[in-house]
Amino acid sequence: MSHFAVAYGLVASFCFFWIPLSYFYFEEIEEDQPVGRRLLAAFKYTFFFVLVACILLLTGLFMTPNQHENRDLEWLRKVLTDLEGTGALAFVAGVLCLVGMGVLVFYAAPGLSILPMHLLGGLKSSAVKLIDINTELAANREQQNDITNRYQPSNRQISEQDREAIRKLSRQELLLQNRSRIAQRVRDSWANKCHWIIRPFEFILGIAAASLTALLITSIAVTTIENLTEGVCGAPCGYILTHSTLMNPLNRLFLKLSPFFPVDYILMLMIIMYMFLATTKGIISIGIRFLWVNMYRFRRAATQAQGLLAATMLLMLSLSGLCYSLTMSVAPDYFMFGSQKYCNHTIVAPIRDCSEYPTLIIPCHIGAPEDLCTPTVTSSLILKIILGTPSLGIAFYYTQWVFLVVFILAFVYNSIQGCRKGFGVDLVHEDPEDIDDIESRSLLGAIGAMSPDDGRRRAGRRGLLIPGGEASYGSIQSMGPGIGSRATPMPNSSGTGVTSRR
């Protein structure tokens, strides 16, 4: 159990101390603030997480586990006896697993539905993207020309409403020009030119991801249903499955591959990595939210450090929840006993002989004799958590149902959205408000650094110059923040008018 203590101890230390400390350290960044003061403030807020960890440990130490003395559970009672002395750490691990199951529900379940769709759909063509952006840019300039043309014949003063409209359109034009340059660079890059080579492999990965998703969801659904009829003692035992009777595809596949080491280990690694990628995809697509409040969004070169730290904690917790999901739902017989088998034919107790009955040599399961099958360390820990605290086992079980429901809802939603907008990923078109916010941080700063000559040139392209070459009243101010502050508005000879385009 030393490996278990070290592994979950490290997870708990990162979740309750190191990651919160780093998070609040970045939250306390202020200009000219000493590092010592920032660390002191970060420690002050981290103390709350340390206090929660201490409360959980004390609860585990003083909590009396359910011994199930009125039930015939000799094999499971042996598991409890073998793991004596780890009750407090097991309780903390159980709480971490439960929180991790919540992460799987809200991020991995949507990720499992959207990841295969995006792999199969592929990215939007760079050439098509460039055409769309240029079309939007042309429409933007046309709107600006329509506004300016209304004032050219009569030389009237630009109204405040139209000035604000031109300011917004000018800002949007800068952003679209930047997107057009980026899209053109991507279109002309060697990576894009070679994308047709990668696309077949991407499609194959999409098919593999869709197949693996179908296997995972089917296995979880089969085991969850079986727990209602084939459990050891139902809810009082935390819905522990005695043995699988229905067709669990992944459980059957693991047992078939177990004699061919290391093929079963490779499949296990693939499932773990796929669930990790699906969770990551869900976090990137949904963002980190608290109820309806969107706290952090994930964008290339534009994600806050606090968001990355929060995502790291979520991914760590998801792996804790995955321990329960793999062991008790995906392939319970294999993850509890591996490739172990036993003879289910007794001549004279306790003598067993299957030399003439090879079909009675079957894989180990919880209902097997406890002296013939040795459970894995991970399954022993999960069983101790569930048997010692059945309420956690019940929460684990019903979380699996929520996982299935969320997956179905996310699959339906993503299918409808994919049919409407396409299944490919395109951040610029999928979430323009966030992209605008990212680009405006640098672009609008650059606008403020423009010289008066730059502002006059941009005004001249819209026909907002007086005969002497200076910008008319309100014209340069309408170009965007920072331009008007560097140029003095000068009325034309009529006092207020706007002259025709030159």
Protein backbone atom coordinates (compact mmCIF):
# COMPACT_ATOMS: atom_id res chain seq x y z
CA MET A 1 0.00 0.00 0.00
CA SER A 2 3.04 2.32 0.04
CA HIS A 3 2.63 3.02 -3.67
CA PHE A 4 -1.03 3.88 -3.11
CA ALA A 5 -0.15 6.24 -0.25
CA VAL A 6 2.54 8.00 -2.30
CA ALA A 7 0.38 8.35 -5.43
CA TYR A 8 -2.75 9.70 -3.75
CA GLY A 9 -0.68 11.70 -1.29
CA LEU A 10 0.94 13.53 -4.22
CA VAL A 11 -2.43 14.11 -5.88
CA ALA A 12 -3.85 15.49 -2.62
CA SER A 13 -0.81 17.74 -2.07
CA PHE A 14 -1.14 19.26 -5.53
CA CYS A 15 -4.91 19.69 -5.28
CA PHE A 16 -4.94 21.14 -1.77
CA PHE A 17 -1.66 23.07 -1.66
CA TRP A 18 0.63 23.56 -4.66
CA ILE A 19 -1.92 24.39 -7.35
CA PRO A 20 -4.02 26.72 -5.11
CA LEU A 21 -0.80 28.44 -3.96
CA SER A 22 0.30 29.04 -7.56
CA TYR A 23 -3.21 30.15 -8.53
CA PHE A 24 -3.47 32.79 -5.81
CA TYR A 25 0.14 33.86 -6.42
CA PHE A 26 -0.80 34.90 -9.97
CA GLU A 27 -4.06 36.42 -8.70
CA GLU A 28 -2.06 38.77 -6.45
CA ILE A 29 0.08 40.23 -9.26
CA GLU A 30 0.18 44.00 -8.94
CA GLU A 31 2.59 46.59 -10.21
CA ASP A 32 5.75 46.97 -8.07
CA GLN A 33 4.45 44.50 -5.49
CA PRO A 34 7.24 42.57 -3.71
CA VAL A 35 7.39 38.81 -4.19
CA GLY A 36 7.25 38.29 -0.43
CA ARG A 37 3.92 40.09 -0.10
CA ARG A 38 2.45 38.14 -3.00
CA LEU A 39 3.55 34.85 -1.43
CA LEU A 40 2.12 35.89 1.92
CA ALA A 41 -1.23 36.74 0.35
CA ALA A 42 -1.21 33.46 -1.62
CA PHE A 43 -0.50 31.47 1.55
CA LYS A 44 -3.38 33.24 3.28
CA TYR A 45 -5.91 32.07 0.68
CA THR A 46 -4.33 28.61 0.33
CA PHE A 47 -4.85 28.03 4.04
CA PHE A 48 -8.54 27.40 3.31
CA PHE A 49 -7.67 24.43 1.06
CA VAL A 50 -5.23 23.05 3.64
CA LEU A 51 -7.98 23.32 6.25
CA VAL A 52 -10.36 21.33 4.02
CA ALA A 53 -7.71 18.60 3.59
CA CYS A 54 -7.19 18.39 7.37
CA ILE A 55 -10.95 18.12 7.95
CA LEU A 56 -11.17 15.25 5.44
CA LEU A 57 -8.26 13.43 7.09
CA LEU A 58 -9.75 13.83 10.56
CA THR A 59 -13.13 12.66 9.28
CA GLY A 60 -11.50 9.54 7.86
CA LEU A 61 -9.62 8.87 11.11
CA PHE A 62 -12.61 9.14 13.42
CA MET A 63 -15.26 7.75 11.08
CA THR A 64 -16.29 4.18 11.89
CA PRO A 65 -16.44 2.18 8.67
CA ASN A 66 -19.39 -0.07 7.94
CA GLN A 67 -18.26 -3.64 8.78
CA HIS A 68 -21.29 -5.39 7.16
CA GLU A 69 -21.37 -7.90 10.04
CA ASN A 70 -24.86 -9.12 9.19
CA ARG A 71 -23.94 -10.08 5.63
CA ASP A 72 -22.12 -13.05 4.13
CA LEU A 73 -19.20 -11.16 2.67
CA GLU A 74 -16.15 -13.18 3.71
CA TRP A 75 -14.17 -12.36 0.57
CA LEU A 76 -14.90 -8.64 0.81
CA ARG A 77 -14.34 -8.63 4.55
CA LYS A 78 -10.86 -10.00 3.83
CA VAL A 79 -10.24 -6.94 1.64
CA LEU A 80 -11.20 -4.71 4.56
CA THR A 81 -8.87 -6.61 6.89
CA ASP A 82 -5.93 -6.46 4.48
CA LEU A 83 -6.24 -2.69 4.19
CA GLU A 84 -6.52 -1.84 7.87
CA GLY A 85 -4.79 1.39 8.89
CA THR A 86 -5.43 3.30 5.68
CA GLY A 87 -8.97 4.44 6.45
CA ALA A 88 -8.21 8.18 6.59
CA LEU A 89 -6.22 8.21 3.35
CA ALA A 90 -8.80 5.95 1.69
CA PHE A 91 -11.56 8.38 2.64
CA VAL A 92 -9.62 11.33 1.18
CA ALA A 93 -8.95 9.27 -1.96
CA GLY A 94 -12.68 8.50 -2.15
CA VAL A 95 -13.59 12.19 -1.98
CA LEU A 96 -11.02 12.99 -4.69
CA CYS A 97 -12.45 10.18 -6.84
CA LEU A 98 -15.97 11.55 -6.39
CA VAL A 99 -14.89 15.05 -7.43
CA GLY A 100 -13.02 13.46 -10.34
CA MET A 101 -16.22 11.68 -11.37
CA GLY A 102 -17.89 15.08 -11.48
CA VAL A 103 -15.13 16.31 -13.82
CA LEU A 104 -15.71 13.27 -16.06
CA VAL A 105 -19.44 14.01 -16.14
CA PHE A 106 -19.17 17.67 -17.11
CA TYR A 107 -16.08 17.53 -19.35
CA ALA A 108 -15.22 13.97 -20.45
CA ALA A 109 -18.79 13.06 -21.45
CA PRO A 110 -19.15 16.06 -23.84
CA GLY A 111 -15.56 15.52 -24.98
CA LEU A 112 -16.30 11.91 -25.94
CA SER A 113 -19.12 13.11 -28.18
CA ILE A 114 -17.35 16.04 -29.84
CA LEU A 115 -13.81 14.67 -30.34
CA PRO A 116 -14.72 11.98 -32.94
CA MET A 117 -16.93 14.49 -34.79
CA HIS A 118 -14.11 17.00 -35.09
CA LEU A 119 -11.62 14.36 -36.22
CA LEU A 120 -14.03 13.06 -38.85
CA GLY A 121 -15.11 16.56 -39.95
CA GLY A 122 -11.60 17.99 -40.13
CA LEU A 123 -10.60 21.63 -40.09
CA LYS A 124 -12.20 24.16 -42.36
CA SER A 125 -10.19 24.76 -45.53
CA SER A 126 -7.81 27.72 -45.21
CA ALA A 127 -8.76 28.93 -48.69
CA VAL A 128 -12.47 28.85 -47.81
CA LYS A 129 -11.75 30.60 -44.50
CA LEU A 130 -9.81 33.34 -46.30
CA ILE A 131 -12.66 33.87 -48.77
CA ASP A 132 -15.17 34.14 -45.91
CA ILE A 133 -13.03 36.67 -44.05
CA ASN A 134 -12.44 38.78 -47.17
CA THR A 135 -16.17 38.72 -47.93
CA GLU A 136 -16.90 39.93 -44.42
CA LEU A 137 -14.19 42.61 -44.79
CA ALA A 138 -15.70 43.85 -48.07
CA ALA A 139 -19.14 44.04 -46.44
CA ASN A 140 -17.64 46.02 -43.55
CA ARG A 141 -16.08 48.58 -45.89
CA GLU A 142 -19.31 48.83 -47.85
CA GLN A 143 -21.18 49.72 -44.67
CA GLN A 144 -18.64 52.44 -43.88
CA ASN A 145 -18.92 53.84 -47.40
CA ASP A 146 -22.72 53.91 -47.13
CA ILE A 147 -22.47 56.02 -43.98
CA THR A 148 -19.92 58.47 -45.43
CA ASN A 149 -21.79 58.80 -48.74
CA ARG A 150 -24.88 60.06 -46.88
CA TYR A 151 -22.93 63.17 -45.79
CA GLN A 152 -20.92 63.93 -48.94
CA PRO A 153 -23.53 65.80 -51.09
CA SER A 154 -24.82 68.12 -48.35
CA ASN A 155 -21.62 68.59 -46.31
CA ARG A 156 -23.60 68.01 -43.12
CA GLN A 157 -22.10 67.36 -39.70
CA ILE A 158 -21.72 63.65 -38.91
CA SER A 159 -24.24 62.62 -36.29
CA GLU A 160 -23.10 61.08 -33.03
CA GLN A 161 -24.82 57.80 -33.88
CA ASP A 162 -23.04 57.48 -37.25
CA ARG A 163 -19.73 58.51 -35.70
CA GLU A 164 -20.08 55.68 -33.18
CA ALA A 165 -21.06 53.27 -35.98
CA ILE A 166 -17.97 54.17 -38.01
CA ARG A 167 -15.81 53.78 -34.88
CA LYS A 168 -17.11 50.25 -34.34
CA LEU A 169 -16.83 49.35 -38.02
CA SER A 170 -13.29 50.71 -38.15
CA ARG A 171 -12.30 48.59 -35.16
CA GLN A 172 -13.87 45.54 -36.76
CA GLU A 173 -12.03 46.28 -40.01
CA LEU A 174 -8.69 46.19 -38.23
CA LEU A 175 -9.54 42.85 -36.68
CA LEU A 176 -10.70 41.39 -40.00
CA GLN A 177 -7.55 42.62 -41.73
CA ASN A 178 -5.48 40.88 -39.08
CA ARG A 179 -7.48 37.67 -39.51
CA SER A 180 -7.08 37.88 -43.26
CA ARG A 181 -3.29 38.17 -42.94
CA ILE A 182 -3.18 35.20 -40.57
CA ALA A 183 -5.45 33.10 -42.79
CA GLN A 184 -3.31 33.95 -45.83
CA ARG A 185 -0.14 32.91 -43.99
CA VAL A 186 -1.79 29.64 -42.98
CA ARG A 187 -3.02 29.04 -46.53
CA ASP A 188 0.46 29.58 -47.99
CA SER A 189 2.29 27.59 -45.30
CA TRP A 190 3.88 24.22 -46.04
CA ALA A 191 1.89 22.62 -43.24
CA ASN A 192 -1.36 23.56 -44.95
CA LYS A 193 -0.11 22.43 -48.34
CA CYS A 194 0.74 19.03 -46.84
CA HIS A 195 -2.56 18.74 -44.95
CA TRP A 196 -3.98 16.50 -47.67
CA ILE A 197 -1.38 13.92 -46.59
CA ILE A 198 -2.46 14.11 -42.94
CA ARG A 199 -6.19 14.16 -43.66
CA PRO A 200 -6.57 10.37 -44.34
CA PHE A 201 -4.86 9.57 -41.02
CA GLU A 202 -7.05 12.13 -39.27
CA PHE A 203 -10.12 10.41 -40.72
CA ILE A 204 -8.85 6.99 -39.59
CA LEU A 205 -8.26 8.38 -36.09
CA GLY A 206 -11.81 9.75 -36.15
CA ILE A 207 -13.22 6.30 -36.95
CA ALA A 208 -11.09 4.74 -34.19
CA ALA A 209 -12.21 7.43 -31.73
CA ALA A 210 -15.88 6.91 -32.61
CA SER A 211 -15.50 3.12 -32.18
CA LEU A 212 -13.74 3.51 -28.84
CA THR A 213 -16.41 5.95 -27.65
CA ALA A 214 -19.15 3.47 -28.59
CA LEU A 215 -17.34 0.66 -26.72
CA LEU A 216 -16.83 2.80 -23.60
CA ILE A 217 -20.42 4.03 -23.44
CA THR A 218 -21.81 0.53 -24.08
CA SER A 219 -19.61 -1.06 -21.41
CA ILE A 220 -20.50 1.58 -18.81
CA ALA A 221 -24.21 1.26 -19.62
CA VAL A 222 -24.14 -2.57 -19.41
CA THR A 223 -22.30 -2.61 -16.07
CA THR A 224 -24.51 0.13 -14.61
CA ILE A 225 -27.64 -1.84 -15.51
CA GLU A 226 -26.18 -5.11 -14.21
CA ASN A 227 -25.40 -3.53 -10.84
CA LEU A 228 -29.12 -3.38 -10.17
CA THR A 229 -29.57 -7.17 -10.55
CA GLU A 230 -26.16 -8.80 -10.09
CA GLY A 231 -24.77 -6.74 -7.21
CA VAL A 232 -23.39 -8.22 -4.00
CA CYS A 233 -26.03 -6.61 -1.83
CA GLY A 234 -27.18 -3.53 -3.74
CA ALA A 235 -27.08 -0.05 -2.22
CA PRO A 236 -25.88 -1.15 1.30
CA CYS A 237 -22.67 -2.39 -0.36
CA GLY A 238 -22.32 0.55 -2.73
CA TYR A 239 -23.50 -1.37 -5.82
CA ILE A 240 -20.58 -3.77 -6.23
CA LEU A 241 -21.00 -6.13 -9.20
CA THR A 242 -20.55 -9.82 -8.36
CA HIS A 243 -19.85 -10.98 -11.91
CA SER A 244 -20.76 -9.86 -15.39
CA THR A 245 -23.49 -11.86 -17.13
CA LEU A 246 -24.45 -9.49 -19.95
CA MET A 247 -22.24 -8.84 -22.95
CA ASN A 248 -19.79 -6.19 -21.79
CA PRO A 249 -17.66 -5.62 -24.92
CA LEU A 250 -14.57 -4.09 -23.33
CA ASN A 251 -14.58 -6.48 -20.38
CA ARG A 252 -14.80 -9.44 -22.79
CA LEU A 253 -12.12 -7.97 -25.07
CA PHE A 254 -9.68 -7.43 -22.19
CA LEU A 255 -10.16 -10.99 -20.96
CA LYS A 256 -9.59 -12.36 -24.46
CA LEU A 257 -6.41 -10.33 -24.89
CA SER A 258 -5.00 -10.93 -21.40
CA PRO A 259 -3.00 -14.07 -22.38
CA PHE A 260 -1.23 -12.05 -25.09
CA PHE A 261 0.85 -9.71 -22.95
CA PRO A 262 1.38 -6.75 -23.50
CA VAL A 263 -1.54 -6.32 -25.93
CA ASP A 264 -4.01 -5.85 -23.07
CA TYR A 265 -1.73 -3.22 -21.49
CA ILE A 266 -1.53 -1.33 -24.78
CA LEU A 267 -5.34 -1.31 -25.01
CA MET A 268 -5.56 -0.10 -21.42
CA LEU A 269 -3.10 2.71 -22.15
CA MET A 270 -5.09 3.68 -25.24
CA ILE A 271 -8.31 3.95 -23.23
CA ILE A 272 -6.68 6.01 -20.48
CA MET A 273 -5.06 8.37 -23.00
CA TYR A 274 -8.30 8.67 -24.96
CA MET A 275 -10.29 9.56 -21.85
CA PHE A 276 -7.59 12.09 -20.94
CA LEU A 277 -7.78 13.65 -24.42
CA ALA A 278 -11.58 13.68 -24.32
CA THR A 279 -11.51 15.47 -20.96
CA THR A 280 -8.99 17.98 -22.33
CA LYS A 281 -11.19 18.52 -25.38
CA GLY A 282 -14.20 19.11 -23.14
CA ILE A 283 -12.31 21.64 -21.02
CA ILE A 284 -11.11 23.54 -24.11
CA SER A 285 -14.54 23.53 -25.75
CA ILE A 286 -16.63 24.39 -22.67
CA GLY A 287 -14.12 26.40 -20.66
CA ILE A 288 -14.02 26.56 -16.89
CA ARG A 289 -17.39 27.63 -15.54
CA PHE A 290 -19.06 28.16 -12.22
CA LEU A 291 -22.77 27.66 -12.85
CA TRP A 292 -23.50 30.07 -15.73
CA VAL A 293 -20.40 32.23 -15.16
CA ASN A 294 -17.63 31.62 -17.70
CA MET A 295 -14.43 32.02 -15.69
CA TYR A 296 -11.73 31.00 -18.17
CA ARG A 297 -11.61 30.27 -21.90
CA PHE A 298 -8.73 28.42 -23.55
CA ARG A 299 -7.18 30.00 -26.63
CA ARG A 300 -3.75 29.63 -28.19
CA ALA A 301 -1.26 32.09 -26.68
CA ALA A 302 -4.11 33.88 -24.86
CA THR A 303 -5.01 31.71 -21.86
CA GLN A 304 -4.51 33.15 -18.40
CA ALA A 305 -2.11 31.37 -16.07
CA GLN A 306 -4.90 30.84 -13.53
CA GLY A 307 -6.97 29.07 -16.18
CA LEU A 308 -4.12 26.70 -17.00
CA LEU A 309 -3.63 25.91 -13.31
CA ALA A 310 -7.35 25.25 -12.85
CA ALA A 311 -7.33 22.98 -15.93
CA THR A 312 -4.35 21.08 -14.50
CA MET A 313 -6.25 20.42 -11.29
CA LEU A 314 -9.33 19.26 -13.21
CA LEU A 315 -7.25 16.84 -15.28
CA MET A 316 -5.58 15.41 -12.16
CA LEU A 317 -8.96 14.90 -10.51
CA SER A 318 -10.36 13.31 -13.68
CA LEU A 319 -7.65 10.64 -13.52
CA SER A 320 -8.72 9.90 -9.93
CA GLY A 321 -12.32 9.46 -11.08
CA LEU A 322 -11.12 7.33 -13.98
CA CYS A 323 -9.72 4.81 -11.47
CA TYR A 324 -13.26 4.04 -10.29
CA SER A 325 -14.81 4.17 -13.76
CA LEU A 326 -12.33 1.70 -15.28
CA THR A 327 -12.31 -0.65 -12.29
CA MET A 328 -16.02 -0.82 -11.53
CA SER A 329 -17.75 0.07 -14.81
CA VAL A 330 -15.68 -0.29 -17.98
CA ALA A 331 -14.14 -3.74 -17.40
CA PRO A 332 -14.75 -4.82 -13.78
CA ASP A 333 -13.59 -8.44 -14.02
CA TYR A 334 -10.34 -7.60 -15.81
CA PHE A 335 -9.37 -4.52 -13.80
CA MET A 336 -10.05 -6.35 -10.52
CA PHE A 337 -8.19 -9.59 -11.27
CA GLY A 338 -6.35 -9.20 -14.55
CA SER A 339 -5.79 -12.49 -16.36
CA GLN A 340 -6.30 -14.72 -13.29
CA LYS A 341 -8.51 -17.78 -13.72
CA TYR A 342 -9.69 -20.55 -11.40
CA CYS A 343 -11.23 -24.01 -11.63
CA ASN A 344 -14.94 -23.93 -10.91
CA HIS A 345 -15.28 -27.72 -10.54
CA THR A 346 -14.98 -29.24 -7.05
CA ILE A 347 -14.42 -33.00 -6.66
CA VAL A 348 -14.20 -33.15 -2.89
CA ALA A 349 -13.92 -29.91 -0.96
CA PRO A 350 -11.48 -28.22 -1.14
CA ILE A 351 -10.00 -30.26 -4.07
CA ARG A 352 -10.65 -28.86 -7.53
CA ASP A 353 -9.91 -30.65 -10.79
CA CYS A 354 -10.77 -29.27 -14.24
CA SER A 355 -8.57 -31.63 -16.29
CA GLU A 356 -11.70 -33.13 -17.84
CA TYR A 357 -13.70 -29.92 -17.74
CA PRO A 358 -11.56 -27.19 -19.38
CA THR A 359 -14.63 -25.07 -19.98
CA LEU A 360 -15.00 -24.69 -16.20
CA ILE A 361 -11.68 -22.80 -15.98
CA ILE A 362 -13.13 -19.31 -15.88
CA PRO A 363 -11.85 -15.76 -15.17
CA CYS A 364 -11.80 -14.61 -11.57
CA HIS A 365 -14.57 -12.38 -10.26
CA ILE A 366 -15.79 -11.14 -6.89
CA GLY A 367 -17.96 -14.23 -6.46
CA ALA A 368 -14.93 -16.53 -6.82
CA PRO A 369 -13.31 -18.20 -3.76
CA GLU A 370 -11.21 -15.62 -1.96
CA ASP A 371 -8.21 -17.97 -1.59
CA LEU A 372 -7.92 -18.55 -5.36
CA CYS A 373 -8.11 -15.00 -6.72
CA THR A 374 -5.99 -12.03 -5.64
CA PRO A 375 -7.43 -8.57 -6.41
CA THR A 376 -5.33 -5.76 -7.78
CA VAL A 377 -4.20 -2.95 -5.49
CA THR A 378 -6.41 -0.38 -7.24
CA SER A 379 -9.52 -2.55 -6.99
CA SER A 380 -8.75 -3.29 -3.33
CA LEU A 381 -8.64 0.43 -2.60
CA ILE A 382 -11.89 1.09 -4.47
CA LEU A 383 -13.60 -1.79 -2.66
CA LYS A 384 -12.40 -0.52 0.71
CA ILE A 385 -13.76 2.95 -0.04
CA ILE A 386 -17.13 1.57 -1.17
CA LEU A 387 -17.51 -0.98 1.64
CA GLY A 388 -16.23 1.31 4.38
CA THR A 389 -18.38 4.25 3.22
CA PRO A 390 -21.34 2.91 1.18
CA SER A 391 -22.66 6.45 0.64
CA LEU A 392 -19.62 7.16 -1.53
CA GLY A 393 -20.31 3.96 -3.48
CA ILE A 394 -23.92 5.02 -4.06
CA ALA A 395 -22.73 8.45 -5.23
CA PHE A 396 -20.24 6.78 -7.59
CA TYR A 397 -22.96 4.57 -9.01
CA TYR A 398 -25.49 7.30 -9.73
CA THR A 399 -22.75 9.52 -11.14
CA GLN A 400 -22.34 6.87 -13.86
CA TRP A 401 -25.99 7.33 -14.79
CA VAL A 402 -25.50 11.10 -14.96
CA PHE A 403 -22.42 10.51 -17.13
CA LEU A 404 -24.49 8.52 -19.64
CA VAL A 405 -27.29 11.12 -19.70
CA VAL A 406 -24.84 14.01 -20.23
CA PHE A 407 -23.13 12.10 -23.04
CA ILE A 408 -26.44 11.52 -24.85
CA LEU A 409 -27.47 15.17 -24.48
CA ALA A 410 -24.06 16.41 -25.64
CA PHE A 411 -24.10 14.01 -28.58
CA VAL A 412 -27.52 15.23 -29.72
CA TYR A 413 -26.55 18.90 -29.29
CA ASN A 414 -23.21 18.53 -31.11
CA SER A 415 -24.86 16.58 -33.93
CA ILE A 416 -27.44 19.34 -34.46
CA GLN A 417 -24.80 22.08 -34.30
CA GLY A 418 -22.55 20.10 -36.63
CA CYS A 419 -25.33 19.74 -39.21
CA ARG A 420 -25.98 23.49 -39.02
CA LYS A 421 -22.42 24.88 -38.91
CA GLY A 422 -20.21 21.96 -39.92
CA PHE A 423 -18.30 19.50 -37.76
CA GLY A 424 -14.88 21.01 -38.30
CA VAL A 425 -13.20 23.15 -35.67
CA ASP A 426 -12.78 26.83 -36.50
CA LEU A 427 -12.18 29.04 -33.49
CA VAL A 428 -12.50 32.28 -35.46
CA HIS A 429 -16.00 31.44 -36.65
CA GLU A 430 -17.15 29.46 -33.64
CA ASP A 431 -16.40 32.09 -31.00
CA PRO A 432 -15.80 35.50 -32.61
CA GLU A 433 -16.33 37.49 -29.40
CA ASP A 434 -13.42 35.79 -27.65
CA ILE A 435 -11.22 36.18 -30.72
CA ASP A 436 -12.11 39.87 -30.93
CA ASP A 437 -11.16 40.28 -27.28
CA ILE A 438 -7.81 38.55 -27.83
CA GLU A 439 -6.94 40.50 -30.95
CA SER A 440 -8.10 43.85 -29.62
CA ARG A 441 -5.61 43.66 -26.75
CA SER A 442 -2.76 44.10 -29.21
CA LEU A 443 -4.44 45.71 -32.20
CA LEU A 444 -6.17 48.52 -30.34
CA GLY A 445 -2.95 49.20 -28.50
CA ALA A 446 -1.31 49.57 -31.89
CA ILE A 447 -4.08 51.97 -32.95
CA GLY A 448 -3.23 54.21 -30.02
CA ALA A 449 0.39 54.28 -31.20
CA MET A 450 -0.54 55.46 -34.73
CA SER A 451 0.92 58.73 -35.90
CA PRO A 452 -1.38 61.54 -37.11
CA ASP A 453 -0.24 60.79 -40.68
CA ASP A 454 -1.45 57.17 -40.31
CA GLY A 455 -4.79 58.44 -39.05
CA ARG A 456 -5.11 60.91 -41.93
CA ARG A 457 -4.29 58.20 -44.47
CA ARG A 458 -6.99 55.92 -42.99
CA ALA A 459 -9.45 58.85 -43.00
CA GLY A 460 -8.59 59.70 -46.58
CA ARG A 461 -9.49 56.22 -47.75
CA ARG A 462 -13.01 56.92 -46.51
CA GLY A 463 -13.27 60.40 -48.11
CA LEU A 464 -13.26 62.25 -44.79
CA LEU A 465 -10.57 64.85 -45.64
CA ILE A 466 -10.93 68.59 -46.17
CA PRO A 467 -9.31 70.24 -49.21
CA GLY A 468 -6.20 71.17 -47.24
CA GLY A 469 -5.51 67.53 -46.47
CA GLU A 470 -6.49 67.61 -42.79
CA ALA A 471 -9.19 65.35 -41.40
CA SER A 472 -12.62 66.87 -40.99
CA TYR A 473 -14.44 67.23 -37.72
CA GLY A 474 -15.08 63.92 -36.02
CA SER A 475 -13.52 61.87 -38.83
CA ILE A 476 -10.27 60.87 -37.21
CA GLN A 477 -12.02 60.41 -33.87
CA SER A 478 -14.34 57.96 -35.59
CA MET A 479 -11.45 55.73 -36.65
CA GLY A 480 -11.09 54.21 -33.19
CA PRO A 481 -9.59 54.71 -29.74
CA GLY A 482 -6.28 56.49 -29.74
CA ILE A 483 -6.49 58.08 -33.21
CA GLY A 484 -8.65 61.02 -32.27
CA SER A 485 -6.46 61.73 -29.28
CA ARG A 486 -3.47 62.40 -31.55
CA ALA A 487 -5.13 64.64 -34.15
CA THR A 488 -6.86 68.00 -33.73
CA PRO A 489 -10.30 68.16 -35.35
CA MET A 490 -10.40 70.93 -37.93
CA PRO A 491 -13.64 72.03 -39.60
CA ASN A 492 -13.75 72.76 -43.29
CA SER A 493 -14.52 76.07 -44.95
CA SER A 494 -18.24 75.75 -44.39
CA GLY A 495 -17.71 75.16 -40.69
CA THR A 496 -19.12 71.71 -40.29
CA GLY A 497 -19.31 69.85 -43.59
CA VAL A 498 -17.58 66.76 -44.90
CA THR A 499 -16.10 67.07 -48.37
CA SER A 500 -16.26 64.55 -51.16
CA ARG A 501 -13.76 61.72 -51.59
CA ARG A 502 -10.42 62.66 -53.15
